[in-house]
Amino acid sequence: MASLYYRAIPGNFIIIGKQPDGDSVRFIADEPERFDDLKRAYRIRPSRDGSVQLRFEAIDTPEISFGTGQPLGREARDQLLELIGFENIEFTGNQVEASDPEMVPGTILSQAAETNGRPVSYVLLAEDAERFEDDWVRVDEALLRRTLNVRQLESGAAYYTVYTSTPKSHRQLFREVASEARADNRGVWAEDTTAEFVLEDRDDIGPGGQLILPKLFRRGTDYLKARDNGFRGNLTEWLVENSQGSRNENDRVVINDRMEVSLSDLVLQRNRRVVFQADLLELTFVEK
C-alpha cells in the first residue's frame, strides 16, 4: 500500500528562461539536500540555477512542446501560471522571457523522482502550505484539496492521470474531482475525443485537431514518426512491437482497481478510426 507521507520541500517557482506547461514548472528548493530523501533521488539533476523540473502528481494537461502540441495546451499553462501568481508574462515561442515577480514561494510534497528525474509532486502556494512541524507530512483530503494539482483538475484544465504509486485514497479523491469536471463539461472534457478519433497524420491530433488523453497523444505522435520511417501497421500493432527494451511504450494499466492489461489491449483500430475501449476515470497506470 502506498504511503500517505510526503517530504515537504519549500522553495520558489521560477519561469524566466524556462518552458512551463500546465502540469510542470521549475522549482528551486531552499534546502536542496531534502531531495536526497526521495526515492530515485540519484536521478534528480538540478540545472545551473539550482532548479529542477517538477511533474505534478495525478494530472496530465494537453501538451505544448511535445510533437506539434495539442488543443488547450497553452490555456492550461496560462491558467497554472496565473494560479501560482505570475503576471505580465512575456513569451518568445514557448519560452518565458519576463515575468512579475521573477519567483514565487511555495512548497512541494514528494515521495520520489520519476524515471526522467522529475520529483513527482503535490504543489502548494506559500499561503496554502502549513508550517509543517515534521519534514514528512501526512497528506490528507483537506491538504490535498489545497494543492494546485486539484485546482487544475477541478477546472478541467487537466486530465485525471494516476499511477499505482499514488495512494488509493488520493486516487479516489482525484477521480471524484475529475468526475465533477467531466459532468459539467469543463475544460478538456468539453472537447475530449479519446473514445474515438482519427489518427492518420499529425494534424489530426495537433493544436487544431482532436483533443485526446495526453499520454495517448504522446504514443500516437511517436507512432506517426515511426510510420514516417517505414513502420507498416496501426497504433495497436506499434504499441505491441514497442513493448520491450528501455523505452516500453505499451504501458501496463489497471482497470477500475481490478484488472491489469496492456495499453494496446484498450486500443482498437476500426477502419480510419481509433477506438479507446475504457473510461478514462477508471485507469491507473502502472508506475515504471
C-alpha atoms as a PDB file:
ATOM      1  CA  MET A   1       0.000   0.000   0.000  1.00  0.00           C
ATOM      2  CA  ALA A   2       1.361   3.428  -0.987  1.00  0.00           C
ATOM      3  CA  SER A   3       2.341   5.648   1.938  1.00  0.00           C
ATOM      4  CA  LEU A   4       0.403   8.823   2.730  1.00  0.00           C
ATOM      5  CA  TYR A   5       3.558  10.561   3.983  1.00  0.00           C
ATOM      6  CA  TYR A   6       5.394  13.009   1.715  1.00  0.00           C
ATOM      7  CA  ARG A   7       8.608  15.005   2.094  1.00  0.00           C
ATOM      8  CA  ALA A   8       7.871  18.717   2.451  1.00  0.00           C
ATOM      9  CA  ILE A   9      10.319  20.794   0.407  1.00  0.00           C
ATOM     10  CA  PRO A  10       9.886  24.600   0.498  1.00  0.00           C
ATOM     11  CA  GLY A  11      11.351  26.823  -2.181  1.00  0.00           C
ATOM     12  CA  ASN A  12      10.433  29.020  -5.138  1.00  0.00           C
ATOM     13  CA  PHE A  13       8.825  28.538  -8.531  1.00  0.00           C
ATOM     14  CA  ILE A  14      10.721  30.119 -11.435  1.00  0.00           C
ATOM     15  CA  ILE A  15       9.712  30.514 -15.086  1.00  0.00           C
ATOM     16  CA  ILE A  16      12.064  33.064 -16.726  1.00  0.00           C
ATOM     17  CA  GLY A  17      14.173  31.294 -19.336  1.00  0.00           C
ATOM     18  CA  LYS A  18      12.015  28.179 -18.923  1.00  0.00           C
ATOM     19  CA  GLN A  19       9.194  26.487 -20.812  1.00  0.00           C
ATOM     20  CA  PRO A  20       6.469  25.711 -18.264  1.00  0.00           C
ATOM     21  CA  ASP A  21       3.277  23.912 -19.164  1.00  0.00           C
ATOM     22  CA  GLY A  22       0.027  23.127 -17.398  1.00  0.00           C
ATOM     23  CA  ASP A  23       1.380  20.349 -15.192  1.00  0.00           C
ATOM     24  CA  SER A  24       5.075  21.112 -14.873  1.00  0.00           C
ATOM     25  CA  VAL A  25       7.139  24.061 -13.712  1.00  0.00           C
ATOM     26  CA  ARG A  26      10.687  24.554 -12.452  1.00  0.00           C
ATOM     27  CA  PHE A  27      11.363  24.826  -8.731  1.00  0.00           C
ATOM     28  CA  ILE A  28      14.372  25.902  -6.654  1.00  0.00           C
ATOM     29  CA  ALA A  29      14.437  24.244  -3.222  1.00  0.00           C
ATOM     30  CA  ASP A  30      15.508  26.277  -0.194  1.00  0.00           C
ATOM     31  CA  GLU A  31      17.353  23.187   1.051  1.00  0.00           C
ATOM     32  CA  PRO A  32      18.267  21.015  -1.971  1.00  0.00           C
ATOM     33  CA  GLU A  33      19.530  18.255   0.313  1.00  0.00           C
ATOM     34  CA  ARG A  34      15.895  17.437   1.080  1.00  0.00           C
ATOM     35  CA  PHE A  35      15.697  15.847  -2.367  1.00  0.00           C
ATOM     36  CA  ASP A  36      18.137  13.209  -1.083  1.00  0.00           C
ATOM     37  CA  ASP A  37      15.321  11.641   0.936  1.00  0.00           C
ATOM     38  CA  LEU A  38      13.236  10.884  -2.153  1.00  0.00           C
ATOM     39  CA  LYS A  39      13.114   7.535  -3.888  1.00  0.00           C
ATOM     40  CA  ARG A  40      15.326   7.608  -7.017  1.00  0.00           C
ATOM     41  CA  ALA A  41      16.930  10.843  -5.779  1.00  0.00           C
ATOM     42  CA  TYR A  42      20.020   9.969  -7.820  1.00  0.00           C
ATOM     43  CA  ARG A  43      18.035  10.781 -10.964  1.00  0.00           C
ATOM     44  CA  ILE A  44      17.454  14.399  -9.944  1.00  0.00           C
ATOM     45  CA  ARG A  45      19.874  16.715 -11.748  1.00  0.00           C
ATOM     46  CA  PRO A  46      19.371  20.417 -10.863  1.00  0.00           C
ATOM     47  CA  SER A  47      20.303  22.906 -13.570  1.00  0.00           C
ATOM     48  CA  ARG A  48      22.931  25.618 -13.041  1.00  0.00           C
ATOM     49  CA  ASP A  49      20.427  27.906 -11.356  1.00  0.00           C
ATOM     50  CA  GLY A  50      19.531  25.113  -8.932  1.00  0.00           C
ATOM     51  CA  SER A  51      16.100  24.492 -10.393  1.00  0.00           C
ATOM     52  CA  VAL A  52      14.512  21.127 -11.091  1.00  0.00           C
ATOM     53  CA  GLN A  53      11.579  20.292 -13.326  1.00  0.00           C
ATOM     54  CA  LEU A  54       8.539  19.047 -11.414  1.00  0.00           C
ATOM     55  CA  ARG A  55       5.941  16.520 -12.517  1.00  0.00           C
ATOM     56  CA  PHE A  56       2.582  17.257 -10.953  1.00  0.00           C
ATOM     57  CA  GLU A  57       1.112  14.146  -9.360  1.00  0.00           C
ATOM     58  CA  ALA A  58      -2.203  12.724 -10.641  1.00  0.00           C
ATOM     59  CA  ILE A  59      -2.812  15.127 -13.532  1.00  0.00           C
ATOM     60  CA  ASP A  60      -1.799  15.476 -17.174  1.00  0.00           C
ATOM     61  CA  THR A  61      -2.526  18.597 -19.205  1.00  0.00           C
ATOM     62  CA  PRO A  62      -2.576  18.905 -23.004  1.00  0.00           C
ATOM     63  CA  GLU A  63       0.911  19.137 -24.478  1.00  0.00           C
ATOM     64  CA  ILE A  64       2.534  22.334 -25.718  1.00  0.00           C
ATOM     65  CA  SER A  65       6.024  21.307 -26.855  1.00  0.00           C
ATOM     66  CA  PHE A  66       5.736  17.558 -27.468  1.00  0.00           C
ATOM     67  CA  GLY A  67       5.249  16.971 -31.183  1.00  0.00           C
ATOM     68  CA  THR A  68       3.131  19.775 -32.583  1.00  0.00           C
ATOM     69  CA  GLY A  69       1.287  20.283 -29.301  1.00  0.00           C
ATOM     70  CA  GLN A  70      -2.398  19.839 -28.515  1.00  0.00           C
ATOM     71  CA  PRO A  71      -5.561  21.912 -28.248  1.00  0.00           C
ATOM     72  CA  LEU A  72      -5.882  23.722 -24.889  1.00  0.00           C
ATOM     73  CA  GLY A  73      -2.210  23.212 -24.019  1.00  0.00           C
ATOM     74  CA  ARG A  74      -1.388  26.902 -23.749  1.00  0.00           C
ATOM     75  CA  GLU A  75      -4.643  27.613 -21.947  1.00  0.00           C
ATOM     76  CA  ALA A  76      -3.730  25.044 -19.268  1.00  0.00           C
ATOM     77  CA  ARG A  77      -0.253  26.564 -18.926  1.00  0.00           C
ATOM     78  CA  ASP A  78      -1.556  30.114 -18.661  1.00  0.00           C
ATOM     79  CA  GLN A  79      -4.052  29.088 -16.008  1.00  0.00           C
ATOM     80  CA  LEU A  80      -1.360  27.387 -13.918  1.00  0.00           C
ATOM     81  CA  LEU A  81       0.948  30.402 -14.084  1.00  0.00           C
ATOM     82  CA  GLU A  82      -1.930  32.652 -13.046  1.00  0.00           C
ATOM     83  CA  LEU A  83      -2.759  30.355 -10.117  1.00  0.00           C
ATOM     84  CA  ILE A  84       0.870  30.452  -8.984  1.00  0.00           C
ATOM     85  CA  GLY A  85       0.815  34.248  -9.123  1.00  0.00           C
ATOM     86  CA  PHE A  86       2.900  35.170 -12.155  1.00  0.00           C
ATOM     87  CA  GLU A  87       1.782  38.236 -14.121  1.00  0.00           C
ATOM     88  CA  ASN A  88       2.952  40.305 -17.098  1.00  0.00           C
ATOM     89  CA  ILE A  89       4.498  37.223 -18.677  1.00  0.00           C
ATOM     90  CA  GLU A  90       6.337  37.689 -21.968  1.00  0.00           C
ATOM     91  CA  PHE A  91       6.983  34.703 -24.227  1.00  0.00           C
ATOM     92  CA  THR A  92       9.229  34.016 -27.176  1.00  0.00           C
ATOM     93  CA  GLY A  93       7.641  30.917 -28.602  1.00  0.00           C
ATOM     94  CA  ASN A  94       7.075  28.720 -25.555  1.00  0.00           C
ATOM     95  CA  GLN A  95       9.938  30.214 -23.520  1.00  0.00           C
ATOM     96  CA  VAL A  96       9.292  32.825 -20.852  1.00  0.00           C
ATOM     97  CA  GLU A  97      11.407  35.960 -21.265  1.00  0.00           C
ATOM     98  CA  ALA A  98       9.974  38.040 -18.419  1.00  0.00           C
ATOM     99  CA  SER A  99       7.529  37.728 -15.536  1.00  0.00           C
ATOM    100  CA  ASP A 100       6.375  39.637 -12.496  1.00  0.00           C
ATOM    101  CA  PRO A 101       7.539  38.573  -9.974  1.00  0.00           C
ATOM    102  CA  GLU A 102      10.620  36.640 -11.043  1.00  0.00           C
ATOM    103  CA  MET A 103       9.996  33.927  -8.428  1.00  0.00           C
ATOM    104  CA  VAL A 104       7.032  32.832  -6.310  1.00  0.00           C
ATOM    105  CA  PRO A 105       7.436  30.983  -2.989  1.00  0.00           C
ATOM    106  CA  GLY A 106       5.764  27.635  -2.458  1.00  0.00           C
ATOM    107  CA  THR A 107       6.175  24.101  -1.161  1.00  0.00           C
ATOM    108  CA  ILE A 108       6.163  20.742  -2.878  1.00  0.00           C
ATOM    109  CA  LEU A 109       5.236  17.433  -1.276  1.00  0.00           C
ATOM    110  CA  SER A 110       7.026  14.495  -2.866  1.00  0.00           C
ATOM    111  CA  GLN A 111       7.971  10.867  -2.291  1.00  0.00           C
ATOM    112  CA  ALA A 112      10.011  10.081  -5.392  1.00  0.00           C
ATOM    113  CA  ALA A 113      11.529  11.194  -8.659  1.00  0.00           C
ATOM    114  CA  GLU A 114      10.263   9.558 -11.838  1.00  0.00           C
ATOM    115  CA  THR A 115      12.463   7.940 -14.471  1.00  0.00           C
ATOM    116  CA  ASN A 116      13.380  11.299 -16.047  1.00  0.00           C
ATOM    117  CA  GLY A 117      14.462  12.763 -12.714  1.00  0.00           C
ATOM    118  CA  ARG A 118      11.453  14.978 -12.068  1.00  0.00           C
ATOM    119  CA  PRO A 119      10.171  14.972  -8.473  1.00  0.00           C
ATOM    120  CA  VAL A 120       6.562  13.761  -8.609  1.00  0.00           C
ATOM    121  CA  SER A 121       4.858  16.399  -6.518  1.00  0.00           C
ATOM    122  CA  TYR A 122       1.804  17.840  -4.917  1.00  0.00           C
ATOM    123  CA  VAL A 123       2.243  21.584  -5.273  1.00  0.00           C
ATOM    124  CA  LEU A 124       1.217  24.235  -2.757  1.00  0.00           C
ATOM    125  CA  LEU A 125       1.455  28.006  -2.748  1.00  0.00           C
ATOM    126  CA  ALA A 126       3.180  29.500   0.288  1.00  0.00           C
ATOM    127  CA  GLU A 127      -0.103  30.747   1.759  1.00  0.00           C
ATOM    128  CA  ASP A 128      -1.601  27.256   1.456  1.00  0.00           C
ATOM    129  CA  ALA A 129       1.375  25.434   2.959  1.00  0.00           C
ATOM    130  CA  GLU A 130       1.205  24.999   6.704  1.00  0.00           C
ATOM    131  CA  ARG A 131       4.307  25.400   8.814  1.00  0.00           C
ATOM    132  CA  PHE A 132       4.815  21.677   8.896  1.00  0.00           C
ATOM    133  CA  GLU A 133       6.179  20.504  12.223  1.00  0.00           C
ATOM    134  CA  ASP A 134       7.709  17.435  10.612  1.00  0.00           C
ATOM    135  CA  ASP A 135       9.731  17.073   7.439  1.00  0.00           C
ATOM    136  CA  TRP A 136       7.457  14.204   6.387  1.00  0.00           C
ATOM    137  CA  VAL A 137       3.815  15.260   6.140  1.00  0.00           C
ATOM    138  CA  ARG A 138       0.702  13.100   6.083  1.00  0.00           C
ATOM    139  CA  VAL A 139      -1.294  14.228   3.051  1.00  0.00           C
ATOM    140  CA  ASP A 140      -4.987  14.012   3.915  1.00  0.00           C
ATOM    141  CA  GLU A 141      -8.015  15.183   1.936  1.00  0.00           C
ATOM    142  CA  ALA A 142      -8.013  18.689   3.396  1.00  0.00           C
ATOM    143  CA  LEU A 143      -4.380  19.252   2.442  1.00  0.00           C
ATOM    144  CA  LEU A 144      -4.823  17.630  -0.948  1.00  0.00           C
ATOM    145  CA  ARG A 145      -7.676  19.979  -1.815  1.00  0.00           C
ATOM    146  CA  ARG A 146      -5.345  22.959  -1.335  1.00  0.00           C
ATOM    147  CA  THR A 147      -2.916  21.749  -3.994  1.00  0.00           C
ATOM    148  CA  LEU A 148      -2.594  23.213  -7.464  1.00  0.00           C
ATOM    149  CA  ASN A 149      -2.976  19.649  -8.717  1.00  0.00           C
ATOM    150  CA  VAL A 150      -6.601  19.570  -7.572  1.00  0.00           C
ATOM    151  CA  ARG A 151      -7.281  23.111  -8.759  1.00  0.00           C
ATOM    152  CA  GLN A 152      -6.089  22.288 -12.285  1.00  0.00           C
ATOM    153  CA  LEU A 153      -8.203  19.143 -12.293  1.00  0.00           C
ATOM    154  CA  GLU A 154     -11.393  20.701 -10.948  1.00  0.00           C
ATOM    155  CA  SER A 155     -11.311  23.488 -13.556  1.00  0.00           C
ATOM    156  CA  GLY A 156     -10.978  20.952 -16.366  1.00  0.00           C
ATOM    157  CA  ALA A 157      -7.524  22.224 -17.339  1.00  0.00           C
ATOM    158  CA  ALA A 158      -6.099  18.748 -16.709  1.00  0.00           C
ATOM    159  CA  TYR A 159      -6.929  15.120 -17.328  1.00  0.00           C
ATOM    160  CA  TYR A 160      -7.077  12.636 -14.469  1.00  0.00           C
ATOM    161  CA  THR A 161      -3.916  10.518 -14.853  1.00  0.00           C
ATOM    162  CA  VAL A 162      -2.860   8.458 -11.852  1.00  0.00           C
ATOM    163  CA  TYR A 163      -0.330   5.721 -11.199  1.00  0.00           C
ATOM    164  CA  THR A 164      -0.097   2.738  -8.888  1.00  0.00           C
ATOM    165  CA  SER A 165       2.351   4.767  -6.785  1.00  0.00           C
ATOM    166  CA  THR A 166      -0.469   7.216  -5.984  1.00  0.00           C
ATOM    167  CA  PRO A 167      -2.192   6.278  -2.697  1.00  0.00           C
ATOM    168  CA  LYS A 168      -5.629   4.771  -3.285  1.00  0.00           C
ATOM    169  CA  SER A 169      -7.405   7.360  -1.138  1.00  0.00           C
ATOM    170  CA  HIS A 170      -5.765  10.102  -3.199  1.00  0.00           C
ATOM    171  CA  ARG A 171      -6.821   8.430  -6.440  1.00  0.00           C
ATOM    172  CA  GLN A 172     -10.397   8.286  -5.183  1.00  0.00           C
ATOM    173  CA  LEU A 173     -10.439  11.995  -4.393  1.00  0.00           C
ATOM    174  CA  PHE A 174      -8.907  12.956  -7.731  1.00  0.00           C
ATOM    175  CA  ARG A 175     -11.397  10.700  -9.502  1.00  0.00           C
ATOM    176  CA  GLU A 176     -14.302  12.446  -7.759  1.00  0.00           C
ATOM    177  CA  VAL A 177     -12.958  15.877  -8.690  1.00  0.00           C
ATOM    178  CA  ALA A 178     -12.426  14.841 -12.319  1.00  0.00           C
ATOM    179  CA  SER A 179     -15.864  13.240 -12.484  1.00  0.00           C
ATOM    180  CA  GLU A 180     -17.491  16.517 -11.446  1.00  0.00           C
ATOM    181  CA  ALA A 181     -15.450  18.448 -14.014  1.00  0.00           C
ATOM    182  CA  ARG A 182     -16.446  15.985 -16.731  1.00  0.00           C
ATOM    183  CA  ALA A 183     -20.127  16.076 -15.758  1.00  0.00           C
ATOM    184  CA  ASP A 184     -20.047  19.872 -16.106  1.00  0.00           C
ATOM    185  CA  ASN A 185     -18.126  19.746 -19.425  1.00  0.00           C
ATOM    186  CA  ARG A 186     -15.352  21.916 -18.033  1.00  0.00           C
ATOM    187  CA  GLY A 187     -12.149  22.495 -19.967  1.00  0.00           C
ATOM    188  CA  VAL A 188     -10.766  19.402 -21.684  1.00  0.00           C
ATOM    189  CA  TRP A 189     -13.981  17.458 -21.136  1.00  0.00           C
ATOM    190  CA  ALA A 190     -15.910  19.726 -23.484  1.00  0.00           C
ATOM    191  CA  GLU A 191     -13.566  18.790 -26.339  1.00  0.00           C
ATOM    192  CA  ASP A 192     -12.260  15.326 -25.460  1.00  0.00           C
ATOM    193  CA  THR A 193     -12.457  12.751 -28.288  1.00  0.00           C
ATOM    194  CA  THR A 194     -10.338   9.983 -26.741  1.00  0.00           C
ATOM    195  CA  ALA A 195     -13.180   7.462 -27.052  1.00  0.00           C
ATOM    196  CA  GLU A 196     -12.924   7.602 -30.857  1.00  0.00           C
ATOM    197  CA  PHE A 197     -10.613   9.639 -33.070  1.00  0.00           C
ATOM    198  CA  VAL A 198      -8.841   9.681 -36.437  1.00  0.00           C
ATOM    199  CA  LEU A 199      -5.053   9.161 -36.465  1.00  0.00           C
ATOM    200  CA  GLU A 200      -3.700   9.477 -39.985  1.00  0.00           C
ATOM    201  CA  ASP A 201      -1.333  12.447 -39.656  1.00  0.00           C
ATOM    202  CA  ARG A 202      -0.094  14.941 -37.064  1.00  0.00           C
ATOM    203  CA  ASP A 203      -2.767  17.490 -37.903  1.00  0.00           C
ATOM    204  CA  ASP A 204      -5.439  15.057 -36.729  1.00  0.00           C
ATOM    205  CA  ILE A 205      -4.279  15.423 -33.110  1.00  0.00           C
ATOM    206  CA  GLY A 206      -2.364  18.715 -33.378  1.00  0.00           C
ATOM    207  CA  PRO A 207      -3.332  22.144 -31.994  1.00  0.00           C
ATOM    208  CA  GLY A 208      -6.178  22.486 -34.491  1.00  0.00           C
ATOM    209  CA  GLY A 209      -7.232  18.851 -34.357  1.00  0.00           C
ATOM    210  CA  GLN A 210      -8.862  16.421 -31.956  1.00  0.00           C
ATOM    211  CA  LEU A 211      -8.117  16.533 -28.239  1.00  0.00           C
ATOM    212  CA  ILE A 212      -7.188  13.174 -26.689  1.00  0.00           C
ATOM    213  CA  LEU A 213      -5.638  11.979 -23.438  1.00  0.00           C
ATOM    214  CA  PRO A 214      -2.077  13.416 -23.423  1.00  0.00           C
ATOM    215  CA  LYS A 215      -0.442  10.049 -22.742  1.00  0.00           C
ATOM    216  CA  LEU A 216      -2.236   8.612 -25.775  1.00  0.00           C
ATOM    217  CA  PHE A 217      -1.277  11.714 -27.772  1.00  0.00           C
ATOM    218  CA  ARG A 218       2.395  11.104 -26.986  1.00  0.00           C
ATOM    219  CA  ARG A 219       2.124   7.464 -28.034  1.00  0.00           C
ATOM    220  CA  GLY A 220       0.244   8.470 -31.173  1.00  0.00           C
ATOM    221  CA  THR A 221       2.859  11.086 -32.066  1.00  0.00           C
ATOM    222  CA  ASP A 222       5.691   8.565 -31.709  1.00  0.00           C
ATOM    223  CA  TYR A 223       3.695   6.076 -33.774  1.00  0.00           C
ATOM    224  CA  LEU A 224       3.302   8.602 -36.594  1.00  0.00           C
ATOM    225  CA  LYS A 225       7.068   9.249 -36.526  1.00  0.00           C
ATOM    226  CA  ALA A 226       7.681   5.512 -36.814  1.00  0.00           C
ATOM    227  CA  ARG A 227       5.266   5.294 -39.710  1.00  0.00           C
ATOM    228  CA  ASP A 228       7.121   8.112 -41.470  1.00  0.00           C
ATOM    229  CA  ASN A 229      10.266   5.992 -41.059  1.00  0.00           C
ATOM    230  CA  GLY A 230       8.727   2.955 -42.673  1.00  0.00           C
ATOM    231  CA  PHE A 231       6.665   1.197 -39.996  1.00  0.00           C
ATOM    232  CA  ARG A 232       3.713  -0.581 -41.544  1.00  0.00           C
ATOM    233  CA  GLY A 233       0.891  -1.191 -39.139  1.00  0.00           C
ATOM    234  CA  ASN A 234      -1.644   0.543 -36.936  1.00  0.00           C
ATOM    235  CA  LEU A 235      -1.278   2.098 -33.492  1.00  0.00           C
ATOM    236  CA  THR A 236      -2.160  -1.126 -31.680  1.00  0.00           C
ATOM    237  CA  GLU A 237       0.465  -3.070 -33.615  1.00  0.00           C
ATOM    238  CA  TRP A 238       3.076  -0.394 -32.964  1.00  0.00           C
ATOM    239  CA  LEU A 239       2.384  -0.475 -29.217  1.00  0.00           C
ATOM    240  CA  VAL A 240       2.805  -4.254 -29.176  1.00  0.00           C
ATOM    241  CA  GLU A 241       6.051  -4.013 -31.153  1.00  0.00           C
ATOM    242  CA  ASN A 242       7.374  -1.434 -28.682  1.00  0.00           C
ATOM    243  CA  SER A 243       6.622  -3.445 -25.544  1.00  0.00           C
ATOM    244  CA  GLN A 244      10.229  -4.326 -24.765  1.00  0.00           C
ATOM    245  CA  GLY A 245      13.500  -2.555 -24.114  1.00  0.00           C
ATOM    246  CA  SER A 246      14.416   0.558 -22.175  1.00  0.00           C
ATOM    247  CA  ARG A 247      11.523   2.549 -23.615  1.00  0.00           C
ATOM    248  CA  ASN A 248       8.396   0.446 -23.297  1.00  0.00           C
ATOM    249  CA  GLU A 249       5.593   2.417 -24.944  1.00  0.00           C
ATOM    250  CA  ASN A 250       2.954  -0.207 -24.188  1.00  0.00           C
ATOM    251  CA  ASP A 251       2.077   0.865 -20.646  1.00  0.00           C
ATOM    252  CA  ARG A 252       0.546  -1.530 -18.174  1.00  0.00           C
ATOM    253  CA  VAL A 253      -2.833  -0.274 -16.992  1.00  0.00           C
ATOM    254  CA  VAL A 254      -5.093  -1.317 -14.110  1.00  0.00           C
ATOM    255  CA  ILE A 255      -8.799  -1.014 -14.922  1.00  0.00           C
ATOM    256  CA  ASN A 256     -11.133   0.008 -12.106  1.00  0.00           C
ATOM    257  CA  ASP A 257      -8.544  -1.081  -9.494  1.00  0.00           C
ATOM    258  CA  ARG A 258      -9.084  -4.710 -10.508  1.00  0.00           C
ATOM    259  CA  MET A 259      -7.760  -5.969 -13.846  1.00  0.00           C
ATOM    260  CA  GLU A 260      -4.289  -5.280 -15.274  1.00  0.00           C
ATOM    261  CA  VAL A 261      -3.909  -5.088 -19.058  1.00  0.00           C
ATOM    262  CA  SER A 262      -1.605  -3.517 -21.638  1.00  0.00           C
ATOM    263  CA  LEU A 263      -2.423  -0.181 -23.239  1.00  0.00           C
ATOM    264  CA  SER A 264      -2.582  -1.986 -26.592  1.00  0.00           C
ATOM    265  CA  ASP A 265      -5.461  -4.101 -25.245  1.00  0.00           C
ATOM    266  CA  LEU A 266      -7.533  -0.932 -24.944  1.00  0.00           C
ATOM    267  CA  VAL A 267      -6.804   0.435 -28.427  1.00  0.00           C
ATOM    268  CA  LEU A 268      -8.902  -0.851 -31.315  1.00  0.00           C
ATOM    269  CA  GLN A 269      -8.393   0.133 -34.964  1.00  0.00           C
ATOM    270  CA  ARG A 270     -11.740   0.439 -36.732  1.00  0.00           C
ATOM    271  CA  ASN A 271     -11.168   1.433 -40.365  1.00  0.00           C
ATOM    272  CA  ARG A 272      -9.903   5.050 -40.234  1.00  0.00           C
ATOM    273  CA  ARG A 273     -10.713   5.498 -36.581  1.00  0.00           C
ATOM    274  CA  VAL A 274      -9.010   4.562 -33.327  1.00  0.00           C
ATOM    275  CA  VAL A 275     -11.377   3.445 -30.569  1.00  0.00           C
ATOM    276  CA  PHE A 276     -10.251   3.614 -26.938  1.00  0.00           C
ATOM    277  CA  GLN A 277     -12.126   0.959 -25.008  1.00  0.00           C
ATOM    278  CA  ALA A 278     -12.014   2.229 -21.424  1.00  0.00           C
ATOM    279  CA  ASP A 279     -13.363   5.012 -19.246  1.00  0.00           C
ATOM    280  CA  LEU A 280     -10.517   7.464 -18.589  1.00  0.00           C
ATOM    281  CA  LEU A 281     -11.565   7.786 -14.952  1.00  0.00           C
ATOM    282  CA  GLU A 282     -11.142   4.042 -14.392  1.00  0.00           C
ATOM    283  CA  LEU A 283      -7.476   3.921 -15.455  1.00  0.00           C
ATOM    284  CA  THR A 284      -4.479   3.575 -13.156  1.00  0.00           C
ATOM    285  CA  PHE A 285      -1.141   3.350 -14.953  1.00  0.00           C
ATOM    286  CA  VAL A 286       1.496   1.040 -13.520  1.00  0.00           C
ATOM    287  CA  GLU A 287       4.488   3.117 -12.414  1.00  0.00           C
ATOM    288  CA  LYS A 288       7.633   2.216 -14.351  1.00  0.00           C
END
